[in-house]
Amino acid sequence: MSGTVLLVVDVQKLITNDRLCFFDRFKENLRGLIAGARKSGTEIVFIRHDDGEGQPLSMGNDGYDIHEDFAPEAGEKVFDKSVNSPFRDTGLTEYLRSKGVRRLIVTGLQTEYCIDAAVKCGFEHGFEMIVPEYCNSTADNEYMTAEQTYRYYNEFIWKNRYAHCCGIAEAIDIIQNNKDKPKFSETHIIRRAAKEDISRIAEILVFAKRMKYRSVFNDDVYSFCELQVLSVAEKYIENGFLNNMFLYDDGIIKGLIRIEKEEIVELYVDHFFQGQGVGSELIEYAKENYPVSFLWTIEKNTAAIRFYEAHGFHLTDIKKFEEGTTEYIVKMKR
């Protein structure tokens, strides 16, 4: 089973029609992805939306069924939802985790509603999100035309923030070759850190910690006085931390992970490269090559907790104060 699933959201008869922007291109691209997934054995999961009894888009009405152009085959999973997010009270999250899924290719309707929710909520749950071009669509609304809405989300909101937005050829290539990761670059390696990497390492650490923890600890003295690139670089060299640190490097160092015996001590990705699978590759590398069995994370950092849960760690009842603060850190184990 591949770690990738093709998620097809709300392509139901009532709303799948030529009011949608780029409708013919949308249909062609989505049919191609579905056919490629079936050929390669990549699982397809379908989502249907139920607005509730008495509404046009509700279970039992003709328009509720998935459009015939994209209809599931026998054995393919279908989940029903009643809110925009397909992860809310549907069992989808638990199902994907039980299958070891790490990556979702998100397609369907409508761009600013359920697709936006799927992309952002999937990202928050720790999945790598891929959005192929012209595989989601919408209709005009009172604020923007359908095309403006499509471009706003696909080319601005999601891209390099929540998802890897790619061309249809790349998405088909990922599916047909059952690839375990999108091609963010022609080549990349995960390698041990070296002393000459320290300025880039310190830069990632300082910026990531300010972004993640300033709102938690509310300590500007630490964030902007103690947390400086030069002092962090000196500390990491003096304490030998580079000896157990590994870097994601594709010509640019984009993320890092530090391992001490069985513990993942640190995992950080440069803010500009988040949502591209860098953190997932680093944690999977650690799991495959070292006997890592636990880690600590800030109790309030729920996004990190969901990310680690998606990679096989679970919360324990063990927690303690982060040194020098009044905030708890919690232990997670495999």
C-alpha atoms as a PDB file:
ATOM      1  CA  MET A   1       0.000   0.000   0.000  1.00  0.00           C
ATOM      2  CA  SER A   2       1.360   3.390  -0.976  1.00  0.00           C
ATOM      3  CA  GLY A   3       1.502   6.221   1.539  1.00  0.00           C
ATOM      4  CA  THR A   4      -0.497   8.319  -0.950  1.00  0.00           C
ATOM      5  CA  VAL A   5      -4.274   8.586  -1.341  1.00  0.00           C
ATOM      6  CA  LEU A   6      -6.258  10.424  -4.010  1.00  0.00           C
ATOM      7  CA  LEU A   7      -9.021  12.318  -2.188  1.00  0.00           C
ATOM      8  CA  VAL A   8     -12.044  13.173  -4.355  1.00  0.00           C
ATOM      9  CA  VAL A   9     -14.319  15.646  -2.565  1.00  0.00           C
ATOM     10  CA  ASP A  10     -18.011  16.412  -3.233  1.00  0.00           C
ATOM     11  CA  VAL A  11     -18.191  15.761  -6.981  1.00  0.00           C
ATOM     12  CA  GLN A  12     -21.927  15.148  -6.588  1.00  0.00           C
ATOM     13  CA  LYS A  13     -24.502  15.346  -9.354  1.00  0.00           C
ATOM     14  CA  LEU A  14     -26.302  18.423  -8.015  1.00  0.00           C
ATOM     15  CA  ILE A  15     -23.238  20.687  -8.103  1.00  0.00           C
ATOM     16  CA  THR A  16     -21.091  19.121 -10.832  1.00  0.00           C
ATOM     17  CA  ASN A  17     -22.174  21.119 -13.865  1.00  0.00           C
ATOM     18  CA  ASP A  18     -21.031  23.706 -16.388  1.00  0.00           C
ATOM     19  CA  ARG A  19     -21.464  26.585 -13.901  1.00  0.00           C
ATOM     20  CA  LEU A  20     -18.041  25.547 -12.620  1.00  0.00           C
ATOM     21  CA  CYS A  21     -15.014  27.364 -13.984  1.00  0.00           C
ATOM     22  CA  PHE A  22     -12.728  25.448 -16.352  1.00  0.00           C
ATOM     23  CA  PHE A  23     -15.363  22.706 -16.262  1.00  0.00           C
ATOM     24  CA  ASP A  24     -14.133  20.626 -19.212  1.00  0.00           C
ATOM     25  CA  ARG A  25     -10.520  20.840 -18.092  1.00  0.00           C
ATOM     26  CA  PHE A  26     -11.532  19.965 -14.538  1.00  0.00           C
ATOM     27  CA  LYS A  27     -13.398  16.853 -15.710  1.00  0.00           C
ATOM     28  CA  GLU A  28     -10.571  15.730 -17.983  1.00  0.00           C
ATOM     29  CA  ASN A  29      -7.871  16.161 -15.329  1.00  0.00           C
ATOM     30  CA  LEU A  30      -9.843  14.485 -12.567  1.00  0.00           C
ATOM     31  CA  ARG A  31     -10.821  11.525 -14.759  1.00  0.00           C
ATOM     32  CA  GLY A  32      -7.147  11.132 -15.678  1.00  0.00           C
ATOM     33  CA  LEU A  33      -6.073  11.089 -12.045  1.00  0.00           C
ATOM     34  CA  ILE A  34      -8.745   8.558 -11.105  1.00  0.00           C
ATOM     35  CA  ALA A  35      -7.822   6.282 -14.008  1.00  0.00           C
ATOM     36  CA  GLY A  36      -4.125   6.553 -13.176  1.00  0.00           C
ATOM     37  CA  ALA A  37      -4.756   5.773  -9.521  1.00  0.00           C
ATOM     38  CA  ARG A  38      -6.760   2.660 -10.350  1.00  0.00           C
ATOM     39  CA  LYS A  39      -4.113   1.471 -12.776  1.00  0.00           C
ATOM     40  CA  SER A  40      -1.270   1.901 -10.299  1.00  0.00           C
ATOM     41  CA  GLY A  41      -3.114   0.651  -7.229  1.00  0.00           C
ATOM     42  CA  THR A  42      -3.115   4.021  -5.478  1.00  0.00           C
ATOM     43  CA  GLU A  43      -6.182   4.161  -3.244  1.00  0.00           C
ATOM     44  CA  ILE A  44      -9.000   6.580  -4.034  1.00  0.00           C
ATOM     45  CA  VAL A  45     -11.203   7.889  -1.221  1.00  0.00           C
ATOM     46  CA  PHE A  46     -14.438   9.716  -2.066  1.00  0.00           C
ATOM     47  CA  ILE A  47     -16.224  12.310   0.061  1.00  0.00           C
ATOM     48  CA  ARG A  48     -19.905  13.290  -0.135  1.00  0.00           C
ATOM     49  CA  HIS A  49     -21.515  16.319   1.480  1.00  0.00           C
ATOM     50  CA  ASP A  50     -24.892  16.177   3.227  1.00  0.00           C
ATOM     51  CA  ASP A  51     -26.579  19.528   3.963  1.00  0.00           C
ATOM     52  CA  GLY A  52     -29.244  17.799   6.046  1.00  0.00           C
ATOM     53  CA  GLU A  53     -32.853  16.757   5.755  1.00  0.00           C
ATOM     54  CA  GLY A  54     -34.974  19.029   3.588  1.00  0.00           C
ATOM     55  CA  GLN A  55     -32.019  20.447   1.683  1.00  0.00           C
ATOM     56  CA  PRO A  56     -31.382  19.735  -2.032  1.00  0.00           C
ATOM     57  CA  LEU A  57     -27.959  18.229  -1.304  1.00  0.00           C
ATOM     58  CA  SER A  58     -28.979  15.572   1.195  1.00  0.00           C
ATOM     59  CA  MET A  59     -28.843  11.812   1.388  1.00  0.00           C
ATOM     60  CA  GLY A  60     -31.644  10.150  -0.560  1.00  0.00           C
ATOM     61  CA  ASN A  61     -32.011  12.916  -3.146  1.00  0.00           C
ATOM     62  CA  ASP A  62     -30.998  12.294  -6.752  1.00  0.00           C
ATOM     63  CA  GLY A  63     -28.335  14.984  -6.727  1.00  0.00           C
ATOM     64  CA  TYR A  64     -26.591  13.485  -3.699  1.00  0.00           C
ATOM     65  CA  ASP A  65     -24.829  10.690  -5.561  1.00  0.00           C
ATOM     66  CA  ILE A  66     -21.360  11.120  -6.997  1.00  0.00           C
ATOM     67  CA  HIS A  67     -21.389  12.229 -10.631  1.00  0.00           C
ATOM     68  CA  GLU A  68     -21.217   9.342 -13.096  1.00  0.00           C
ATOM     69  CA  ASP A  69     -17.986  10.673 -14.649  1.00  0.00           C
ATOM     70  CA  PHE A  70     -16.183  10.020 -11.354  1.00  0.00           C
ATOM     71  CA  ALA A  71     -18.300   7.316  -9.688  1.00  0.00           C
ATOM     72  CA  PRO A  72     -16.566   4.946  -7.244  1.00  0.00           C
ATOM     73  CA  GLU A  73     -15.977   1.358  -8.190  1.00  0.00           C
ATOM     74  CA  ALA A  74     -16.762  -1.573  -5.926  1.00  0.00           C
ATOM     75  CA  GLY A  75     -14.595  -1.572  -2.825  1.00  0.00           C
ATOM     76  CA  GLU A  76     -13.579   2.081  -2.995  1.00  0.00           C
ATOM     77  CA  LYS A  77     -14.220   3.964   0.242  1.00  0.00           C
ATOM     78  CA  VAL A  78     -16.827   6.719   0.523  1.00  0.00           C
ATOM     79  CA  PHE A  79     -17.126   8.980   3.572  1.00  0.00           C
ATOM     80  CA  ASP A  80     -20.070  11.289   4.245  1.00  0.00           C
ATOM     81  CA  LYS A  81     -19.716  14.666   5.952  1.00  0.00           C
ATOM     82  CA  SER A  82     -22.013  17.463   7.120  1.00  0.00           C
ATOM     83  CA  VAL A  83     -19.487  20.321   7.396  1.00  0.00           C
ATOM     84  CA  ASN A  84     -16.835  21.676   5.057  1.00  0.00           C
ATOM     85  CA  SER A  85     -13.965  19.624   6.474  1.00  0.00           C
ATOM     86  CA  PRO A  86     -13.901  15.940   5.475  1.00  0.00           C
ATOM     87  CA  PHE A  87     -11.913  15.216   8.651  1.00  0.00           C
ATOM     88  CA  ARG A  88     -14.598  16.346  11.119  1.00  0.00           C
ATOM     89  CA  ASP A  89     -16.476  13.413  12.729  1.00  0.00           C
ATOM     90  CA  THR A  90     -16.320  11.219   9.617  1.00  0.00           C
ATOM     91  CA  GLY A  91     -13.758   8.577  10.554  1.00  0.00           C
ATOM     92  CA  LEU A  92     -11.548   9.667   7.647  1.00  0.00           C
ATOM     93  CA  THR A  93      -8.587  10.701   9.800  1.00  0.00           C
ATOM     94  CA  GLU A  94      -8.563   7.430  11.711  1.00  0.00           C
ATOM     95  CA  TYR A  95      -8.909   5.424   8.507  1.00  0.00           C
ATOM     96  CA  LEU A  96      -5.984   7.173   6.815  1.00  0.00           C
ATOM     97  CA  ARG A  97      -3.755   6.737   9.847  1.00  0.00           C
ATOM     98  CA  SER A  98      -4.653   3.053  10.123  1.00  0.00           C
ATOM     99  CA  LYS A  99      -3.461   2.639   6.535  1.00  0.00           C
ATOM    100  CA  GLY A 100      -0.189   4.497   7.109  1.00  0.00           C
ATOM    101  CA  VAL A 101      -1.174   7.265   4.672  1.00  0.00           C
ATOM    102  CA  ARG A 102       1.088  10.308   4.807  1.00  0.00           C
ATOM    103  CA  ARG A 103       0.136  12.154   1.622  1.00  0.00           C
ATOM    104  CA  LEU A 104      -3.169  13.318   0.144  1.00  0.00           C
ATOM    105  CA  ILE A 105      -3.773  14.473  -3.408  1.00  0.00           C
ATOM    106  CA  VAL A 106      -6.820  16.734  -2.986  1.00  0.00           C
ATOM    107  CA  THR A 107      -9.363  17.212  -5.771  1.00  0.00           C
ATOM    108  CA  GLY A 108     -13.030  18.119  -6.171  1.00  0.00           C
ATOM    109  CA  LEU A 109     -15.529  20.823  -5.204  1.00  0.00           C
ATOM    110  CA  GLN A 110     -15.775  23.625  -4.287  1.00  0.00           C
ATOM    111  CA  THR A 111     -12.520  25.556  -4.171  1.00  0.00           C
ATOM    112  CA  GLU A 112     -13.299  28.141  -1.482  1.00  0.00           C
ATOM    113  CA  TYR A 113     -15.453  25.854   0.657  1.00  0.00           C
ATOM    114  CA  CYS A 114     -14.734  22.171   1.102  1.00  0.00           C
ATOM    115  CA  ILE A 115     -11.473  22.030  -0.839  1.00  0.00           C
ATOM    116  CA  ASP A 116     -10.018  24.899   1.180  1.00  0.00           C
ATOM    117  CA  ALA A 117     -11.122  23.141   4.381  1.00  0.00           C
ATOM    118  CA  ALA A 118      -9.682  19.818   3.203  1.00  0.00           C
ATOM    119  CA  VAL A 119      -6.304  21.349   2.347  1.00  0.00           C
ATOM    120  CA  LYS A 120      -5.940  23.316   5.572  1.00  0.00           C
ATOM    121  CA  CYS A 121      -7.335  20.671   7.903  1.00  0.00           C
ATOM    122  CA  GLY A 122      -5.287  17.938   6.253  1.00  0.00           C
ATOM    123  CA  PHE A 123      -2.190  20.069   6.708  1.00  0.00           C
ATOM    124  CA  GLU A 124      -3.061  20.605  10.386  1.00  0.00           C
ATOM    125  CA  HIS A 125      -3.458  16.847  10.822  1.00  0.00           C
ATOM    126  CA  GLY A 126       0.110  16.417   9.577  1.00  0.00           C
ATOM    127  CA  PHE A 127      -0.537  15.068   6.080  1.00  0.00           C
ATOM    128  CA  GLU A 128       1.457  16.229   3.083  1.00  0.00           C
ATOM    129  CA  MET A 129      -1.019  17.949   0.822  1.00  0.00           C
ATOM    130  CA  ILE A 130      -0.762  17.979  -2.969  1.00  0.00           C
ATOM    131  CA  VAL A 131      -3.129  20.101  -5.079  1.00  0.00           C
ATOM    132  CA  PRO A 132      -2.940  19.407  -8.837  1.00  0.00           C
ATOM    133  CA  GLU A 133      -3.863  22.173 -11.259  1.00  0.00           C
ATOM    134  CA  TYR A 134      -7.445  22.395 -12.534  1.00  0.00           C
ATOM    135  CA  CYS A 135      -8.565  19.512 -10.327  1.00  0.00           C
ATOM    136  CA  ASN A 136     -10.736  21.702  -8.120  1.00  0.00           C
ATOM    137  CA  SER A 137     -13.336  24.183  -9.249  1.00  0.00           C
ATOM    138  CA  THR A 138     -16.135  26.497  -8.133  1.00  0.00           C
ATOM    139  CA  ALA A 139     -18.818  28.877  -9.373  1.00  0.00           C
ATOM    140  CA  ASP A 140     -19.076  32.656  -9.172  1.00  0.00           C
ATOM    141  CA  ASN A 141     -19.887  34.145  -5.775  1.00  0.00           C
ATOM    142  CA  GLU A 142     -20.903  37.663  -4.722  1.00  0.00           C
ATOM    143  CA  TYR A 143     -17.306  38.691  -4.028  1.00  0.00           C
ATOM    144  CA  MET A 144     -15.258  37.104  -6.833  1.00  0.00           C
ATOM    145  CA  THR A 145     -15.710  35.372 -10.138  1.00  0.00           C
ATOM    146  CA  ALA A 146     -15.100  31.633 -10.164  1.00  0.00           C
ATOM    147  CA  GLU A 147     -11.790  32.118 -11.969  1.00  0.00           C
ATOM    148  CA  GLN A 148     -10.625  34.734  -9.468  1.00  0.00           C
ATOM    149  CA  THR A 149     -11.508  32.402  -6.606  1.00  0.00           C
ATOM    150  CA  TYR A 150      -9.690  29.490  -8.225  1.00  0.00           C
ATOM    151  CA  ARG A 151      -6.521  31.500  -8.788  1.00  0.00           C
ATOM    152  CA  TYR A 152      -6.635  33.143  -5.349  1.00  0.00           C
ATOM    153  CA  TYR A 153      -6.566  29.804  -3.526  1.00  0.00           C
ATOM    154  CA  ASN A 154      -4.470  27.681  -5.910  1.00  0.00           C
ATOM    155  CA  GLU A 155      -1.858  30.276  -6.756  1.00  0.00           C
ATOM    156  CA  PHE A 156      -1.718  32.302  -3.540  1.00  0.00           C
ATOM    157  CA  ILE A 157      -3.350  30.925  -0.389  1.00  0.00           C
ATOM    158  CA  TRP A 158      -2.363  27.237  -0.525  1.00  0.00           C
ATOM    159  CA  LYS A 159       0.838  27.326  -2.532  1.00  0.00           C
ATOM    160  CA  ASN A 160       3.984  26.897  -0.400  1.00  0.00           C
ATOM    161  CA  ARG A 161       1.901  27.416   2.747  1.00  0.00           C
ATOM    162  CA  TYR A 162      -0.404  24.455   3.122  1.00  0.00           C
ATOM    163  CA  ALA A 163       0.263  22.396   0.028  1.00  0.00           C
ATOM    164  CA  HIS A 164       2.486  21.537  -2.897  1.00  0.00           C
ATOM    165  CA  CYS A 165       0.506  22.933  -5.842  1.00  0.00           C
ATOM    166  CA  CYS A 166       1.715  21.164  -8.964  1.00  0.00           C
ATOM    167  CA  GLY A 167       0.986  20.599 -12.630  1.00  0.00           C
ATOM    168  CA  ILE A 168      -1.248  17.761 -13.717  1.00  0.00           C
ATOM    169  CA  ALA A 169       1.644  15.915 -15.343  1.00  0.00           C
ATOM    170  CA  GLU A 170       3.545  15.798 -12.048  1.00  0.00           C
ATOM    171  CA  ALA A 171       0.468  14.607 -10.158  1.00  0.00           C
ATOM    172  CA  ILE A 172      -0.165  11.830 -12.685  1.00  0.00           C
ATOM    173  CA  ASP A 173       3.505  10.865 -12.516  1.00  0.00           C
ATOM    174  CA  ILE A 174       3.315  10.588  -8.718  1.00  0.00           C
ATOM    175  CA  ILE A 175       0.213   8.406  -8.949  1.00  0.00           C
ATOM    176  CA  GLN A 176       1.202   6.191 -11.871  1.00  0.00           C
ATOM    177  CA  ASN A 177       4.653   5.472 -10.514  1.00  0.00           C
ATOM    178  CA  ASN A 178       3.275   5.044  -7.003  1.00  0.00           C
ATOM    179  CA  LYS A 179       5.913   7.479  -5.823  1.00  0.00           C
ATOM    180  CA  ASP A 180       6.265   8.041  -2.126  1.00  0.00           C
ATOM    181  CA  LYS A 181       7.058  11.737  -2.414  1.00  0.00           C
ATOM    182  CA  PRO A 182       6.469  14.637  -4.775  1.00  0.00           C
ATOM    183  CA  LYS A 183       9.407  15.967  -6.756  1.00  0.00           C
ATOM    184  CA  PHE A 184      10.284  19.181  -5.029  1.00  0.00           C
ATOM    185  CA  SER A 185      13.654  19.188  -6.787  1.00  0.00           C
ATOM    186  CA  GLU A 186      15.581  17.006  -9.172  1.00  0.00           C
ATOM    187  CA  THR A 187      17.753  15.611  -6.369  1.00  0.00           C
ATOM    188  CA  HIS A 188      17.872  15.895  -2.637  1.00  0.00           C
ATOM    189  CA  ILE A 189      19.606  14.077   0.191  1.00  0.00           C
ATOM    190  CA  ILE A 190      19.292  13.727   3.917  1.00  0.00           C
ATOM    191  CA  ARG A 191      22.787  13.998   5.320  1.00  0.00           C
ATOM    192  CA  ARG A 192      24.628  14.548   8.569  1.00  0.00           C
ATOM    193  CA  ALA A 193      25.238  18.185   9.515  1.00  0.00           C
ATOM    194  CA  ALA A 194      28.722  19.659   9.211  1.00  0.00           C
ATOM    195  CA  LYS A 195      30.334  22.667  10.886  1.00  0.00           C
ATOM    196  CA  GLU A 196      30.120  24.728   7.692  1.00  0.00           C
ATOM    197  CA  ASP A 197      26.311  24.360   7.814  1.00  0.00           C
ATOM    198  CA  ILE A 198      26.007  26.101  11.169  1.00  0.00           C
ATOM    199  CA  SER A 199      24.929  29.558   9.983  1.00  0.00           C
ATOM    200  CA  ARG A 200      22.048  28.095   7.957  1.00  0.00           C
ATOM    201  CA  ILE A 201      21.100  25.732  10.807  1.00  0.00           C
ATOM    202  CA  ALA A 202      21.043  28.609  13.299  1.00  0.00           C
ATOM    203  CA  GLU A 203      18.984  30.713  10.905  1.00  0.00           C
ATOM    204  CA  ILE A 204      16.327  27.980  10.607  1.00  0.00           C
ATOM    205  CA  LEU A 205      16.261  27.416  14.370  1.00  0.00           C
ATOM    206  CA  VAL A 206      15.955  31.089  15.296  1.00  0.00           C
ATOM    207  CA  PHE A 207      13.211  31.915  12.814  1.00  0.00           C
ATOM    208  CA  ALA A 208      11.233  28.708  13.418  1.00  0.00           C
ATOM    209  CA  LYS A 209      11.339  29.089  17.202  1.00  0.00           C
ATOM    210  CA  ARG A 210      10.219  32.701  17.029  1.00  0.00           C
ATOM    211  CA  MET A 211       7.341  31.793  14.740  1.00  0.00           C
ATOM    212  CA  LYS A 212       6.217  28.770  16.773  1.00  0.00           C
ATOM    213  CA  TYR A 213       6.813  29.749  20.375  1.00  0.00           C
ATOM    214  CA  ARG A 214       6.531  33.504  20.783  1.00  0.00           C
ATOM    215  CA  SER A 215       2.730  33.275  20.982  1.00  0.00           C
ATOM    216  CA  VAL A 216       2.997  30.405  23.480  1.00  0.00           C
ATOM    217  CA  PHE A 217       5.590  31.783  25.875  1.00  0.00           C
ATOM    218  CA  ASN A 218       4.953  35.531  25.336  1.00  0.00           C
ATOM    219  CA  ASP A 219       8.612  36.191  26.128  1.00  0.00           C
ATOM    220  CA  ASP A 220      10.056  38.838  23.816  1.00  0.00           C
ATOM    221  CA  VAL A 221      13.308  38.974  25.783  1.00  0.00           C
ATOM    222  CA  TYR A 222      13.956  35.351  24.870  1.00  0.00           C
ATOM    223  CA  SER A 223      12.579  35.601  21.323  1.00  0.00           C
ATOM    224  CA  PHE A 224      14.512  38.702  20.278  1.00  0.00           C
ATOM    225  CA  CYS A 225      17.436  39.031  22.702  1.00  0.00           C
ATOM    226  CA  GLU A 226      18.544  35.564  23.770  1.00  0.00           C
ATOM    227  CA  LEU A 227      17.486  33.863  20.540  1.00  0.00           C
ATOM    228  CA  GLN A 228      20.114  35.169  18.129  1.00  0.00           C
ATOM    229  CA  VAL A 229      21.758  33.426  15.175  1.00  0.00           C
ATOM    230  CA  LEU A 230      25.309  33.882  16.465  1.00  0.00           C
ATOM    231  CA  SER A 231      24.595  32.678  20.013  1.00  0.00           C
ATOM    232  CA  VAL A 232      22.609  29.669  18.750  1.00  0.00           C
ATOM    233  CA  ALA A 233      25.420  28.743  16.355  1.00  0.00           C
ATOM    234  CA  GLU A 234      28.005  28.943  19.131  1.00  0.00           C
ATOM    235  CA  LYS A 235      25.852  26.848  21.489  1.00  0.00           C
ATOM    236  CA  TYR A 236      25.290  24.085  18.953  1.00  0.00           C
ATOM    237  CA  ILE A 237      28.977  23.834  18.086  1.00  0.00           C
ATOM    238  CA  GLU A 238      30.136  23.927  21.723  1.00  0.00           C
ATOM    239  CA  ASN A 239      27.687  21.219  22.791  1.00  0.00           C
ATOM    240  CA  GLY A 240      28.400  18.911  19.853  1.00  0.00           C
ATOM    241  CA  PHE A 241      24.783  18.966  18.695  1.00  0.00           C
ATOM    242  CA  LEU A 242      25.806  18.764  15.026  1.00  0.00           C
ATOM    243  CA  ASN A 243      27.107  15.225  15.562  1.00  0.00           C
ATOM    244  CA  ASN A 244      23.546  13.913  15.830  1.00  0.00           C
ATOM    245  CA  MET A 245      21.813  16.285  13.430  1.00  0.00           C
ATOM    246  CA  PHE A 246      20.625  15.476   9.911  1.00  0.00           C
ATOM    247  CA  LEU A 247      19.673  17.941   7.186  1.00  0.00           C
ATOM    248  CA  TYR A 248      17.297  17.915   4.231  1.00  0.00           C
ATOM    249  CA  ASP A 249      19.493  19.325   1.457  1.00  0.00           C
ATOM    250  CA  ASP A 250      18.530  19.865  -2.188  1.00  0.00           C
ATOM    251  CA  GLY A 251      21.055  22.614  -2.751  1.00  0.00           C
ATOM    252  CA  ILE A 252      19.284  24.571  -0.023  1.00  0.00           C
ATOM    253  CA  ILE A 253      19.101  23.272   3.531  1.00  0.00           C
ATOM    254  CA  LYS A 254      15.358  23.270   4.167  1.00  0.00           C
ATOM    255  CA  GLY A 255      14.985  21.392   7.442  1.00  0.00           C
ATOM    256  CA  LEU A 256      16.771  19.559  10.227  1.00  0.00           C
ATOM    257  CA  ILE A 257      16.263  16.776  12.738  1.00  0.00           C
ATOM    258  CA  ARG A 258      18.377  16.014  15.823  1.00  0.00           C
ATOM    259  CA  ILE A 259      18.420  12.564  17.395  1.00  0.00           C
ATOM    260  CA  GLU A 260      19.848  11.528  20.771  1.00  0.00           C
ATOM    261  CA  LYS A 261      19.765   7.741  21.219  1.00  0.00           C
ATOM    262  CA  GLU A 262      16.034   6.913  21.080  1.00  0.00           C
ATOM    263  CA  GLU A 263      14.758  10.483  21.246  1.00  0.00           C
ATOM    264  CA  ILE A 264      13.888  12.929  18.499  1.00  0.00           C
ATOM    265  CA  VAL A 265      15.136  16.083  20.207  1.00  0.00           C
ATOM    266  CA  GLU A 266      14.404  18.649  17.492  1.00  0.00           C
ATOM    267  CA  LEU A 267      12.637  18.796  14.148  1.00  0.00           C
ATOM    268  CA  TYR A 268      12.376  22.130  12.343  1.00  0.00           C
ATOM    269  CA  VAL A 269      11.605  23.155   8.755  1.00  0.00           C
ATOM    270  CA  ASP A 270      12.303  26.575   7.316  1.00  0.00           C
ATOM    271  CA  HIS A 271       9.016  28.528   7.251  1.00  0.00           C
ATOM    272  CA  PHE A 272       9.285  29.131   3.497  1.00  0.00           C
ATOM    273  CA  PHE A 273       9.452  25.405   2.720  1.00  0.00           C
ATOM    274  CA  GLN A 274       6.740  24.120   5.040  1.00  0.00           C
ATOM    275  CA  GLY A 275       3.941  22.113   3.501  1.00  0.00           C
ATOM    276  CA  GLN A 276       6.306  20.436   1.026  1.00  0.00           C
ATOM    277  CA  GLY A 277       6.919  17.172   2.877  1.00  0.00           C
ATOM    278  CA  VAL A 278      10.344  18.098   4.251  1.00  0.00           C
ATOM    279  CA  GLY A 279       9.428  17.394   7.877  1.00  0.00           C
ATOM    280  CA  SER A 280       7.778  14.110   6.948  1.00  0.00           C
ATOM    281  CA  GLU A 281      10.846  12.926   5.075  1.00  0.00           C
ATOM    282  CA  LEU A 282      13.084  13.806   8.007  1.00  0.00           C
ATOM    283  CA  ILE A 283      10.967  11.982  10.580  1.00  0.00           C
ATOM    284  CA  GLU A 284      10.578   8.920   8.364  1.00  0.00           C
ATOM    285  CA  TYR A 285      14.341   8.910   7.801  1.00  0.00           C
ATOM    286  CA  ALA A 286      14.871   8.906  11.565  1.00  0.00           C
ATOM    287  CA  LYS A 287      12.384   6.069  12.071  1.00  0.00           C
ATOM    288  CA  GLU A 288      13.931   3.944   9.332  1.00  0.00           C
ATOM    289  CA  ASN A 289      17.567   4.425  10.316  1.00  0.00           C
ATOM    290  CA  TYR A 290      17.587   4.914  14.105  1.00  0.00           C
ATOM    291  CA  PRO A 291      15.733   3.299  17.046  1.00  0.00           C
ATOM    292  CA  VAL A 292      13.742   6.454  17.817  1.00  0.00           C
ATOM    293  CA  SER A 293      10.880   5.730  20.185  1.00  0.00           C
ATOM    294  CA  PHE A 294       9.857   9.007  21.810  1.00  0.00           C
ATOM    295  CA  LEU A 295       9.927  12.799  21.725  1.00  0.00           C
ATOM    296  CA  TRP A 296       8.715  15.799  23.744  1.00  0.00           C
ATOM    297  CA  THR A 297       6.634  18.651  22.377  1.00  0.00           C
ATOM    298  CA  ILE A 298       4.860  21.724  23.729  1.00  0.00           C
ATOM    299  CA  GLU A 299       1.389  20.776  24.986  1.00  0.00           C
ATOM    300  CA  LYS A 300      -0.153  23.838  23.319  1.00  0.00           C
ATOM    301  CA  ASN A 301       1.455  23.050  19.959  1.00  0.00           C
ATOM    302  CA  THR A 302      -1.509  21.041  18.704  1.00  0.00           C
ATOM    303  CA  ALA A 303      -0.367  21.193  15.071  1.00  0.00           C
ATOM    304  CA  ALA A 304       2.903  19.468  16.014  1.00  0.00           C
ATOM    305  CA  ILE A 305       1.032  16.845  18.038  1.00  0.00           C
ATOM    306  CA  ARG A 306      -1.200  16.025  15.061  1.00  0.00           C
ATOM    307  CA  PHE A 307       1.832  15.871  12.776  1.00  0.00           C
ATOM    308  CA  TYR A 308       3.606  13.398  15.058  1.00  0.00           C
ATOM    309  CA  GLU A 309       0.431  11.332  15.437  1.00  0.00           C
ATOM    310  CA  ALA A 310       0.254  11.041  11.659  1.00  0.00           C
ATOM    311  CA  HIS A 311       3.750   9.537  11.792  1.00  0.00           C
ATOM    312  CA  GLY A 312       3.018   6.871  14.380  1.00  0.00           C
ATOM    313  CA  PHE A 313       3.577   8.649  17.707  1.00  0.00           C
ATOM    314  CA  HIS A 314       0.890   8.894  20.383  1.00  0.00           C
ATOM    315  CA  LEU A 315       0.405  11.090  23.418  1.00  0.00           C
ATOM    316  CA  THR A 316       1.180   9.740  26.859  1.00  0.00           C
ATOM    317  CA  ASP A 317       0.077  11.005  30.265  1.00  0.00           C
ATOM    318  CA  ILE A 318       3.639  12.098  30.995  1.00  0.00           C
ATOM    319  CA  LYS A 319       4.293  15.828  31.004  1.00  0.00           C
ATOM    320  CA  LYS A 320       6.545  18.344  32.728  1.00  0.00           C
ATOM    321  CA  PHE A 321       7.292  22.039  32.727  1.00  0.00           C
ATOM    322  CA  GLU A 322       9.516  23.339  29.972  1.00  0.00           C
ATOM    323  CA  GLU A 323      12.621  24.578  31.750  1.00  0.00           C
ATOM    324  CA  GLY A 324      12.352  28.223  32.770  1.00  0.00           C
ATOM    325  CA  THR A 325       8.686  28.540  31.755  1.00  0.00           C
ATOM    326  CA  THR A 326       5.202  27.841  33.066  1.00  0.00           C
ATOM    327  CA  GLU A 327       4.235  25.800  30.002  1.00  0.00           C
ATOM    328  CA  TYR A 328       4.028  22.013  29.856  1.00  0.00           C
ATOM    329  CA  ILE A 329       5.774  19.743  27.413  1.00  0.00           C
ATOM    330  CA  VAL A 330       4.235  16.319  26.787  1.00  0.00           C
ATOM    331  CA  LYS A 331       5.862  13.011  25.939  1.00  0.00           C
ATOM    332  CA  MET A 332       4.888  11.142  22.764  1.00  0.00           C
ATOM    333  CA  LYS A 333       5.878   7.536  22.093  1.00  0.00           C
ATOM    334  CA  ARG A 334       5.801   5.131  19.154  1.00  0.00           C
END
